[in-house]
Amino acid sequence: MDSFSVNPAALETLASEIRTNDRRIDAALAELKSKVDKLSAAWDGDAKAAYANAQAQWTKSITAMNVLLARISTETTNIQQGYMQQDKASAGRFGA
């Protein structure tokens, strides 16, 4: 029979790290966008339009990634809390 173990503290740490790194990614992308916006203000013509299209696709992908990271973080916390509740209930069955 296979066994498994769960470390609730590690799950909460993981969820927190995901949230922290998601915020860091957002901050880095905001800084990059600010710099590119300054540069692209001087652009004109097809290159500017091509960049705008690429940026729109990139923004869409990054937004999807952020949604996914938030969901992963939330679900990791939910798993951790569910495990702790079940562990407490199981311990109660043994009089703990």
PDB file of N, CA and C in Angstrom:
ATOM      1  N   MET A   1       0.836  -1.172   0.000  1.00  0.00           N
ATOM      2  CA  MET A   1       0.000   0.000   0.000  1.00  0.00           C
ATOM      3  C   MET A   1       0.891   1.248   0.000  1.00  0.00           C
ATOM      4  N   ASP A   2       0.607   2.141  -0.896  1.00  0.00           N
ATOM      5  CA  ASP A   2       1.342   3.404  -0.960  1.00  0.00           C
ATOM      6  C   ASP A   2       0.838   4.342   0.126  1.00  0.00           C
ATOM      7  N   SER A   3       1.695   5.231   0.547  1.00  0.00           N
ATOM      8  CA  SER A   3       1.291   6.219   1.544  1.00  0.00           C
ATOM      9  C   SER A   3       1.657   7.608   1.050  1.00  0.00           C
ATOM     10  N   PHE A   4       1.090   8.584   1.692  1.00  0.00           N
ATOM     11  CA  PHE A   4       1.420   9.965   1.363  1.00  0.00           C
ATOM     12  C   PHE A   4       1.420  10.766   2.648  1.00  0.00           C
ATOM     13  N   SER A   5       2.030  11.903   2.582  1.00  0.00           N
ATOM     14  CA  SER A   5       2.007  12.803   3.729  1.00  0.00           C
ATOM     15  C   SER A   5       1.740  14.217   3.229  1.00  0.00           C
ATOM     16  N   VAL A   6       1.175  14.999   4.101  1.00  0.00           N
ATOM     17  CA  VAL A   6       0.855  16.383   3.775  1.00  0.00           C
ATOM     18  C   VAL A   6       1.495  17.267   4.832  1.00  0.00           C
ATOM     19  N   ASN A   7       2.136  18.313   4.371  1.00  0.00           N
ATOM     20  CA  ASN A   7       2.737  19.283   5.280  1.00  0.00           C
ATOM     21  C   ASN A   7       1.948  20.585   5.133  1.00  0.00           C
ATOM     22  N   PRO A   8       0.984  20.831   6.040  1.00  0.00           N
ATOM     23  CA  PRO A   8       0.147  22.028   5.909  1.00  0.00           C
ATOM     24  C   PRO A   8       0.939  23.331   5.869  1.00  0.00           C
ATOM     25  N   ALA A   9       1.991  23.424   6.665  1.00  0.00           N
ATOM     26  CA  ALA A   9       2.796  24.653   6.662  1.00  0.00           C
ATOM     27  C   ALA A   9       3.457  24.869   5.304  1.00  0.00           C
ATOM     28  N   ALA A  10       3.923  23.788   4.702  1.00  0.00           N
ATOM     29  CA  ALA A  10       4.553  23.899   3.380  1.00  0.00           C
ATOM     30  C   ALA A  10       3.529  24.314   2.328  1.00  0.00           C
ATOM     31  N   LEU A  11       2.292  23.818   2.445  1.00  0.00           N
ATOM     32  CA  LEU A  11       1.248  24.214   1.498  1.00  0.00           C
ATOM     33  C   LEU A  11       0.937  25.702   1.620  1.00  0.00           C
ATOM     34  N   GLU A  12       0.851  26.197   2.846  1.00  0.00           N
ATOM     35  CA  GLU A  12       0.575  27.620   3.036  1.00  0.00           C
ATOM     36  C   GLU A  12       1.743  28.466   2.542  1.00  0.00           C
ATOM     37  N   THR A  13       2.961  28.004   2.771  1.00  0.00           N
ATOM     38  CA  THR A  13       4.139  28.711   2.267  1.00  0.00           C
ATOM     39  C   THR A  13       4.109  28.757   0.743  1.00  0.00           C
ATOM     40  N   LEU A  14       3.762  27.642   0.128  1.00  0.00           N
ATOM     41  CA  LEU A  14       3.675  27.585  -1.329  1.00  0.00           C
ATOM     42  C   LEU A  14       2.640  28.571  -1.855  1.00  0.00           C
ATOM     43  N   ALA A  15       1.456  28.588  -1.250  1.00  0.00           N
ATOM     44  CA  ALA A  15       0.405  29.514  -1.686  1.00  0.00           C
ATOM     45  C   ALA A  15       0.871  30.961  -1.552  1.00  0.00           C
ATOM     46  N   SER A  16       1.542  31.266  -0.455  1.00  0.00           N
ATOM     47  CA  SER A  16       2.054  32.615  -0.230  1.00  0.00           C
ATOM     48  C   SER A  16       3.127  32.982  -1.254  1.00  0.00           C
ATOM     49  N   GLU A  17       4.018  32.045  -1.551  1.00  0.00           N
ATOM     50  CA  GLU A  17       5.065  32.300  -2.543  1.00  0.00           C
ATOM     51  C   GLU A  17       4.473  32.525  -3.929  1.00  0.00           C
ATOM     52  N   ILE A  18       3.433  31.795  -4.263  1.00  0.00           N
ATOM     53  CA  ILE A  18       2.778  31.993  -5.561  1.00  0.00           C
ATOM     54  C   ILE A  18       2.204  33.403  -5.631  1.00  0.00           C
ATOM     55  N   ARG A  19       1.515  33.833  -4.571  1.00  0.00           N
ATOM     56  CA  ARG A  19       0.945  35.191  -4.548  1.00  0.00           C
ATOM     57  C   ARG A  19       2.047  36.250  -4.641  1.00  0.00           C
ATOM     58  N   THR A  20       3.113  36.063  -3.878  1.00  0.00           N
ATOM     59  CA  THR A  20       4.223  37.023  -3.878  1.00  0.00           C
ATOM     60  C   THR A  20       4.869  37.116  -5.255  1.00  0.00           C
ATOM     61  N   ASN A  21       5.137  35.978  -5.864  1.00  0.00           N
ATOM     62  CA  ASN A  21       5.774  35.984  -7.186  1.00  0.00           C
ATOM     63  C   ASN A  21       4.850  36.539  -8.254  1.00  0.00           C
ATOM     64  N   ASP A  22       3.550  36.321  -8.119  1.00  0.00           N
ATOM     65  CA  ASP A  22       2.597  36.899  -9.056  1.00  0.00           C
ATOM     66  C   ASP A  22       2.657  38.426  -8.977  1.00  0.00           C
ATOM     67  N   ARG A  23       2.726  38.962  -7.764  1.00  0.00           N
ATOM     68  CA  ARG A  23       2.840  40.423  -7.601  1.00  0.00           C
ATOM     69  C   ARG A  23       4.165  40.933  -8.167  1.00  0.00           C
ATOM     70  N   ARG A  24       5.242  40.174  -7.978  1.00  0.00           N
ATOM     71  CA  ARG A  24       6.542  40.584  -8.527  1.00  0.00           C
ATOM     72  C   ARG A  24       6.507  40.613 -10.054  1.00  0.00           C
ATOM     73  N   ILE A  25       5.885  39.611 -10.639  1.00  0.00           N
ATOM     74  CA  ILE A  25       5.746  39.575 -12.101  1.00  0.00           C
ATOM     75  C   ILE A  25       4.960  40.792 -12.569  1.00  0.00           C
ATOM     76  N   ASP A  26       3.843  41.091 -11.899  1.00  0.00           N
ATOM     77  CA  ASP A  26       3.037  42.259 -12.266  1.00  0.00           C
ATOM     78  C   ASP A  26       3.853  43.548 -12.189  1.00  0.00           C
ATOM     79  N   ALA A  27       4.633  43.692 -11.118  1.00  0.00           N
ATOM     80  CA  ALA A  27       5.439  44.906 -10.951  1.00  0.00           C
ATOM     81  C   ALA A  27       6.494  45.020 -12.049  1.00  0.00           C
ATOM     82  N   ALA A  28       7.153  43.917 -12.357  1.00  0.00           N
ATOM     83  CA  ALA A  28       8.179  43.932 -13.408  1.00  0.00           C
ATOM     84  C   ALA A  28       7.561  44.252 -14.763  1.00  0.00           C
ATOM     85  N   LEU A  29       6.401  43.684 -15.042  1.00  0.00           N
ATOM     86  CA  LEU A  29       5.734  43.949 -16.316  1.00  0.00           C
ATOM     87  C   LEU A  29       5.247  45.388 -16.403  1.00  0.00           C
ATOM     88  N   ALA A  30       4.777  45.935 -15.302  1.00  0.00           N
ATOM     89  CA  ALA A  30       4.344  47.336 -15.297  1.00  0.00           C
ATOM     90  C   ALA A  30       5.528  48.260 -15.571  1.00  0.00           C
ATOM     91  N   GLU A  31       6.667  47.942 -14.969  1.00  0.00           N
ATOM     92  CA  GLU A  31       7.874  48.741 -15.211  1.00  0.00           C
ATOM     93  C   GLU A  31       8.307  48.633 -16.674  1.00  0.00           C
ATOM     94  N   LEU A  32       8.296  47.430 -17.209  1.00  0.00           N
ATOM     95  CA  LEU A  32       8.660  47.221 -18.610  1.00  0.00           C
ATOM     96  C   LEU A  32       7.708  47.969 -19.536  1.00  0.00           C
ATOM     97  N   LYS A  33       6.408  47.878 -19.270  1.00  0.00           N
ATOM     98  CA  LYS A  33       5.423  48.560 -20.105  1.00  0.00           C
ATOM     99  C   LYS A  33       5.635  50.067 -20.070  1.00  0.00           C
ATOM    100  N   SER A  34       5.941  50.599 -18.903  1.00  0.00           N
ATOM    101  CA  SER A  34       6.196  52.033 -18.779  1.00  0.00           C
ATOM    102  C   SER A  34       7.376  52.458 -19.656  1.00  0.00           C
ATOM    103  N   LYS A  35       8.436  51.675 -19.628  1.00  0.00           N
ATOM    104  CA  LYS A  35       9.618  51.991 -20.437  1.00  0.00           C
ATOM    105  C   LYS A  35       9.328  51.862 -21.930  1.00  0.00           C
ATOM    106  N   VAL A  36       8.610  50.805 -22.295  1.00  0.00           N
ATOM    107  CA  VAL A  36       8.291  50.600 -23.715  1.00  0.00           C
ATOM    108  C   VAL A  36       7.335  51.678 -24.206  1.00  0.00           C
ATOM    109  N   ASP A  37       6.376  52.069 -23.370  1.00  0.00           N
ATOM    110  CA  ASP A  37       5.445  53.128 -23.766  1.00  0.00           C
ATOM    111  C   ASP A  37       6.187  54.426 -24.081  1.00  0.00           C
ATOM    112  N   LYS A  38       7.218  54.726 -23.294  1.00  0.00           N
ATOM    113  CA  LYS A  38       8.014  55.932 -23.554  1.00  0.00           C
ATOM    114  C   LYS A  38       8.737  55.825 -24.895  1.00  0.00           C
ATOM    115  N   LEU A  39       9.289  54.651 -25.169  1.00  0.00           N
ATOM    116  CA  LEU A  39       9.989  54.452 -26.440  1.00  0.00           C
ATOM    117  C   LEU A  39       9.024  54.459 -27.620  1.00  0.00           C
ATOM    118  N   SER A  40       7.901  53.797 -27.459  1.00  0.00           N
ATOM    119  CA  SER A  40       6.981  53.657 -28.587  1.00  0.00           C
ATOM    120  C   SER A  40       6.269  54.957 -28.920  1.00  0.00           C
ATOM    121  N   ALA A  41       6.305  55.911 -28.023  1.00  0.00           N
ATOM    122  CA  ALA A  41       5.693  57.209 -28.319  1.00  0.00           C
ATOM    123  C   ALA A  41       6.362  57.859 -29.524  1.00  0.00           C
ATOM    124  N   ALA A  42       7.630  57.539 -29.751  1.00  0.00           N
ATOM    125  CA  ALA A  42       8.370  58.115 -30.876  1.00  0.00           C
ATOM    126  C   ALA A  42       8.237  57.283 -32.150  1.00  0.00           C
ATOM    127  N   TRP A  43       7.672  56.085 -32.042  1.00  0.00           N
ATOM    128  CA  TRP A  43       7.525  55.225 -33.211  1.00  0.00           C
ATOM    129  C   TRP A  43       6.390  55.727 -34.085  1.00  0.00           C
ATOM    130  N   ASP A  44       6.467  55.304 -35.344  1.00  0.00           N
ATOM    131  CA  ASP A  44       5.394  55.658 -36.267  1.00  0.00           C
ATOM    132  C   ASP A  44       5.288  54.574 -37.320  1.00  0.00           C
ATOM    133  N   GLY A  45       4.136  54.427 -37.890  1.00  0.00           N
ATOM    134  CA  GLY A  45       3.964  53.523 -39.017  1.00  0.00           C
ATOM    135  C   GLY A  45       3.682  52.082 -38.632  1.00  0.00           C
ATOM    136  N   ASP A  46       4.097  51.185 -39.556  1.00  0.00           N
ATOM    137  CA  ASP A  46       3.795  49.761 -39.416  1.00  0.00           C
ATOM    138  C   ASP A  46       4.417  49.133 -38.171  1.00  0.00           C
ATOM    139  N   ALA A  47       5.613  49.560 -37.826  1.00  0.00           N
ATOM    140  CA  ALA A  47       6.283  48.993 -36.653  1.00  0.00           C
ATOM    141  C   ALA A  47       5.478  49.271 -35.385  1.00  0.00           C
ATOM    142  N   LYS A  48       4.942  50.463 -35.280  1.00  0.00           N
ATOM    143  CA  LYS A  48       4.148  50.813 -34.103  1.00  0.00           C
ATOM    144  C   LYS A  48       2.880  49.974 -34.048  1.00  0.00           C
ATOM    145  N   ALA A  49       2.228  49.804 -35.180  1.00  0.00           N
ATOM    146  CA  ALA A  49       1.006  48.995 -35.228  1.00  0.00           C
ATOM    147  C   ALA A  49       1.304  47.531 -34.930  1.00  0.00           C
ATOM    148  N   ALA A  50       2.401  47.024 -35.467  1.00  0.00           N
ATOM    149  CA  ALA A  50       2.777  45.628 -35.215  1.00  0.00           C
ATOM    150  C   ALA A  50       3.085  45.415 -33.738  1.00  0.00           C
ATOM    151  N   TYR A  51       3.782  46.372 -33.158  1.00  0.00           N
ATOM    152  CA  TYR A  51       4.076  46.260 -31.728  1.00  0.00           C
ATOM    153  C   TYR A  51       2.786  46.300 -30.913  1.00  0.00           C
ATOM    154  N   ALA A  52       1.883  47.186 -31.252  1.00  0.00           N
ATOM    155  CA  ALA A  52       0.619  47.300 -30.516  1.00  0.00           C
ATOM    156  C   ALA A  52      -0.150  45.981 -30.560  1.00  0.00           C
ATOM    157  N   ASN A  53      -0.160  45.336 -31.724  1.00  0.00           N
ATOM    158  CA  ASN A  53      -0.833  44.036 -31.844  1.00  0.00           C
ATOM    159  C   ASN A  53      -0.141  42.975 -30.995  1.00  0.00           C
ATOM    160  N   ALA A  54       1.177  42.945 -31.047  1.00  0.00           N
ATOM    161  CA  ALA A  54       1.930  41.971 -30.250  1.00  0.00           C
ATOM    162  C   ALA A  54       1.713  42.229 -28.760  1.00  0.00           C
ATOM    163  N   GLN A  55       1.722  43.499 -28.372  1.00  0.00           N
ATOM    164  CA  GLN A  55       1.512  43.858 -26.965  1.00  0.00           C
ATOM    165  C   GLN A  55       0.121  43.439 -26.497  1.00  0.00           C
ATOM    166  N   ALA A  56      -0.880  43.599 -27.342  1.00  0.00           N
ATOM    167  CA  ALA A  56      -2.243  43.203 -26.975  1.00  0.00           C
ATOM    168  C   ALA A  56      -2.318  41.696 -26.726  1.00  0.00           C
ATOM    169  N   GLN A  57      -1.672  40.911 -27.581  1.00  0.00           N
ATOM    170  CA  GLN A  57      -1.651  39.453 -27.393  1.00  0.00           C
ATOM    171  C   GLN A  57      -0.897  39.080 -26.125  1.00  0.00           C
ATOM    172  N   TRP A  58       0.218  39.744 -25.910  1.00  0.00           N
ATOM    173  CA  TRP A  58       1.028  39.479 -24.727  1.00  0.00           C
ATOM    174  C   TRP A  58       0.241  39.807 -23.459  1.00  0.00           C
ATOM    175  N   THR A  59      -0.424  40.956 -23.457  1.00  0.00           N
ATOM    176  CA  THR A  59      -1.228  41.360 -22.304  1.00  0.00           C
ATOM    177  C   THR A  59      -2.332  40.345 -22.031  1.00  0.00           C
ATOM    178  N   LYS A  60      -2.959  39.861 -23.083  1.00  0.00           N
ATOM    179  CA  LYS A  60      -4.014  38.851 -22.930  1.00  0.00           C
ATOM    180  C   LYS A  60      -3.445  37.580 -22.292  1.00  0.00           C
ATOM    181  N   SER A  61      -2.283  37.159 -22.743  1.00  0.00           N
ATOM    182  CA  SER A  61      -1.648  35.953 -22.195  1.00  0.00           C
ATOM    183  C   SER A  61      -1.223  36.149 -20.745  1.00  0.00           C
ATOM    184  N   ILE A  62      -0.666  37.309 -20.439  1.00  0.00           N
ATOM    185  CA  ILE A  62      -0.231  37.599 -19.072  1.00  0.00           C
ATOM    186  C   ILE A  62      -1.435  37.657 -18.138  1.00  0.00           C
ATOM    187  N   THR A  63      -2.517  38.245 -18.595  1.00  0.00           N
ATOM    188  CA  THR A  63      -3.735  38.297 -17.783  1.00  0.00           C
ATOM    189  C   THR A  63      -4.235  36.891 -17.486  1.00  0.00           C
ATOM    190  N   ALA A  64      -4.218  36.027 -18.486  1.00  0.00           N
ATOM    191  CA  ALA A  64      -4.632  34.634 -18.279  1.00  0.00           C
ATOM    192  C   ALA A  64      -3.708  33.937 -17.281  1.00  0.00           C
ATOM    193  N   MET A  65      -2.408  34.204 -17.376  1.00  0.00           N
ATOM    194  CA  MET A  65      -1.461  33.608 -16.440  1.00  0.00           C
ATOM    195  C   MET A  65      -1.733  34.091 -15.019  1.00  0.00           C
ATOM    196  N   ASN A  66      -2.005  35.384 -14.860  1.00  0.00           N
ATOM    197  CA  ASN A  66      -2.290  35.932 -13.535  1.00  0.00           C
ATOM    198  C   ASN A  66      -3.538  35.302 -12.932  1.00  0.00           C
ATOM    199  N   VAL A  67      -4.558  35.110 -13.745  1.00  0.00           N
ATOM    200  CA  VAL A  67      -5.782  34.460 -13.272  1.00  0.00           C
ATOM    201  C   VAL A  67      -5.468  33.036 -12.823  1.00  0.00           C
ATOM    202  N   LEU A  68      -4.675  32.337 -13.605  1.00  0.00           N
ATOM    203  CA  LEU A  68      -4.305  30.962 -13.270  1.00  0.00           C
ATOM    204  C   LEU A  68      -3.475  30.901 -11.989  1.00  0.00           C
ATOM    205  N   LEU A  69      -2.509  31.790 -11.838  1.00  0.00           N
ATOM    206  CA  LEU A  69      -1.697  31.812 -10.621  1.00  0.00           C
ATOM    207  C   LEU A  69      -2.551  32.116  -9.389  1.00  0.00           C
ATOM    208  N   ALA A  70      -3.486  33.043  -9.516  1.00  0.00           N
ATOM    209  CA  ALA A  70      -4.379  33.352  -8.393  1.00  0.00           C
ATOM    210  C   ALA A  70      -5.219  32.133  -8.028  1.00  0.00           C
ATOM    211  N   ARG A  71      -5.696  31.441  -9.038  1.00  0.00           N
ATOM    212  CA  ARG A  71      -6.503  30.234  -8.788  1.00  0.00           C
ATOM    213  C   ARG A  71      -5.664  29.143  -8.123  1.00  0.00           C
ATOM    214  N   ILE A  72      -4.454  28.947  -8.606  1.00  0.00           N
ATOM    215  CA  ILE A  72      -3.565  27.936  -8.012  1.00  0.00           C
ATOM    216  C   ILE A  72      -3.294  28.279  -6.547  1.00  0.00           C
ATOM    217  N   SER A  73      -3.018  29.541  -6.269  1.00  0.00           N
ATOM    218  CA  SER A  73      -2.758  29.962  -4.894  1.00  0.00           C
ATOM    219  C   SER A  73      -3.975  29.720  -4.010  1.00  0.00           C
ATOM    220  N   THR A  74      -5.145  30.113  -4.487  1.00  0.00           N
ATOM    221  CA  THR A  74      -6.380  29.918  -3.721  1.00  0.00           C
ATOM    222  C   THR A  74      -6.652  28.445  -3.480  1.00  0.00           C
ATOM    223  N   GLU A  75      -6.518  27.636  -4.515  1.00  0.00           N
ATOM    224  CA  GLU A  75      -6.789  26.203  -4.370  1.00  0.00           C
ATOM    225  C   GLU A  75      -5.765  25.528  -3.466  1.00  0.00           C
ATOM    226  N   THR A  76      -4.525  25.986  -3.501  1.00  0.00           N
ATOM    227  CA  THR A  76      -3.508  25.431  -2.601  1.00  0.00           C
ATOM    228  C   THR A  76      -3.888  25.728  -1.151  1.00  0.00           C
ATOM    229  N   THR A  77      -4.335  26.951  -0.891  1.00  0.00           N
ATOM    230  CA  THR A  77      -4.794  27.303   0.458  1.00  0.00           C
ATOM    231  C   THR A  77      -6.013  26.473   0.839  1.00  0.00           C
ATOM    232  N   ASN A  78      -6.952  26.297  -0.085  1.00  0.00           N
ATOM    233  CA  ASN A  78      -8.144  25.488   0.192  1.00  0.00           C
ATOM    234  C   ASN A  78      -7.773  24.048   0.525  1.00  0.00           C
ATOM    235  N   ILE A  79      -6.823  23.495  -0.197  1.00  0.00           N
ATOM    236  CA  ILE A  79      -6.363  22.127   0.069  1.00  0.00           C
ATOM    237  C   ILE A  79      -5.753  22.052   1.464  1.00  0.00           C
ATOM    238  N   GLN A  80      -4.924  23.023   1.781  1.00  0.00           N
ATOM    239  CA  GLN A  80      -4.280  23.054   3.097  1.00  0.00           C
ATOM    240  C   GLN A  80      -5.324  23.132   4.201  1.00  0.00           C
ATOM    241  N   GLN A  81      -6.296  24.016   4.060  1.00  0.00           N
ATOM    242  CA  GLN A  81      -7.325  24.171   5.085  1.00  0.00           C
ATOM    243  C   GLN A  81      -8.205  22.924   5.181  1.00  0.00           C
ATOM    244  N   GLY A  82      -8.554  22.357   4.040  1.00  0.00           N
ATOM    245  CA  GLY A  82      -9.353  21.132   4.038  1.00  0.00           C
ATOM    246  C   GLY A  82      -8.631  19.984   4.712  1.00  0.00           C
ATOM    247  N   TYR A  83      -7.350  19.870   4.437  1.00  0.00           N
ATOM    248  CA  TYR A  83      -6.571  18.807   5.070  1.00  0.00           C
ATOM    249  C   TYR A  83      -6.541  19.003   6.582  1.00  0.00           C
ATOM    250  N   MET A  84      -6.304  20.240   7.014  1.00  0.00           N
ATOM    251  CA  MET A  84      -6.233  20.497   8.456  1.00  0.00           C
ATOM    252  C   MET A  84      -7.573  20.218   9.136  1.00  0.00           C
ATOM    253  N   GLN A  85      -8.675  20.585   8.495  1.00  0.00           N
ATOM    254  CA  GLN A  85      -9.996  20.304   9.063  1.00  0.00           C
ATOM    255  C   GLN A  85     -10.238  18.801   9.162  1.00  0.00           C
ATOM    256  N   GLN A  86      -9.889  18.087   8.108  1.00  0.00           N
ATOM    257  CA  GLN A  86     -10.082  16.636   8.113  1.00  0.00           C
ATOM    258  C   GLN A  86      -9.175  15.960   9.132  1.00  0.00           C
ATOM    259  N   ASP A  87      -7.954  16.436   9.252  1.00  0.00           N
ATOM    260  CA  ASP A  87      -7.029  15.870  10.225  1.00  0.00           C
ATOM    261  C   ASP A  87      -7.549  16.082  11.647  1.00  0.00           C
ATOM    262  N   LYS A  88      -8.078  17.280  11.905  1.00  0.00           N
ATOM    263  CA  LYS A  88      -8.634  17.576  13.229  1.00  0.00           C
ATOM    264  C   LYS A  88      -9.848  16.690  13.506  1.00  0.00           C
ATOM    265  N   ALA A  89     -10.714  16.522  12.509  1.00  0.00           N
ATOM    266  CA  ALA A  89     -11.888  15.659  12.679  1.00  0.00           C
ATOM    267  C   ALA A  89     -11.467  14.220  12.931  1.00  0.00           C
ATOM    268  N   SER A  90     -10.469  13.758  12.203  1.00  0.00           N
ATOM    269  CA  SER A  90      -9.976  12.387  12.391  1.00  0.00           C
ATOM    270  C   SER A  90      -9.369  12.216  13.776  1.00  0.00           C
ATOM    271  N   ALA A  91      -8.616  13.203  14.218  1.00  0.00           N
ATOM    272  CA  ALA A  91      -8.020  13.134  15.555  1.00  0.00           C
ATOM    273  C   ALA A  91      -9.113  13.090  16.617  1.00  0.00           C
ATOM    274  N   GLY A  92     -10.205  13.829  16.387  1.00  0.00           N
ATOM    275  CA  GLY A  92     -11.322  13.830  17.329  1.00  0.00           C
ATOM    276  C   GLY A  92     -11.965  12.467  17.478  1.00  0.00           C
ATOM    277  N   ARG A  93     -11.930  11.683  16.438  1.00  0.00           N
ATOM    278  CA  ARG A  93     -12.494  10.330  16.498  1.00  0.00           C
ATOM    279  C   ARG A  93     -11.686   9.424  17.425  1.00  0.00           C
ATOM    280  N   PHE A  94     -10.447   9.809  17.652  1.00  0.00           N
ATOM    281  CA  PHE A  94      -9.585   9.032  18.541  1.00  0.00           C
ATOM    282  C   PHE A  94      -9.501   9.669  19.928  1.00  0.00           C
ATOM    283  N   GLY A  95     -10.327  10.662  20.169  1.00  0.00           N
ATOM    284  CA  GLY A  95     -10.357  11.295  21.476  1.00  0.00           C
ATOM    285  C   GLY A  95      -9.304  12.359  21.682  1.00  0.00           C
ATOM    286  N   ALA A  96      -8.675  12.798  20.615  1.00  0.00           N
ATOM    287  CA  ALA A  96      -7.623  13.822  20.750  1.00  0.00           C
ATOM    288  C   ALA A  96      -8.220  15.206  20.774  1.00  0.00           C
TER     289      ALA A  96
END
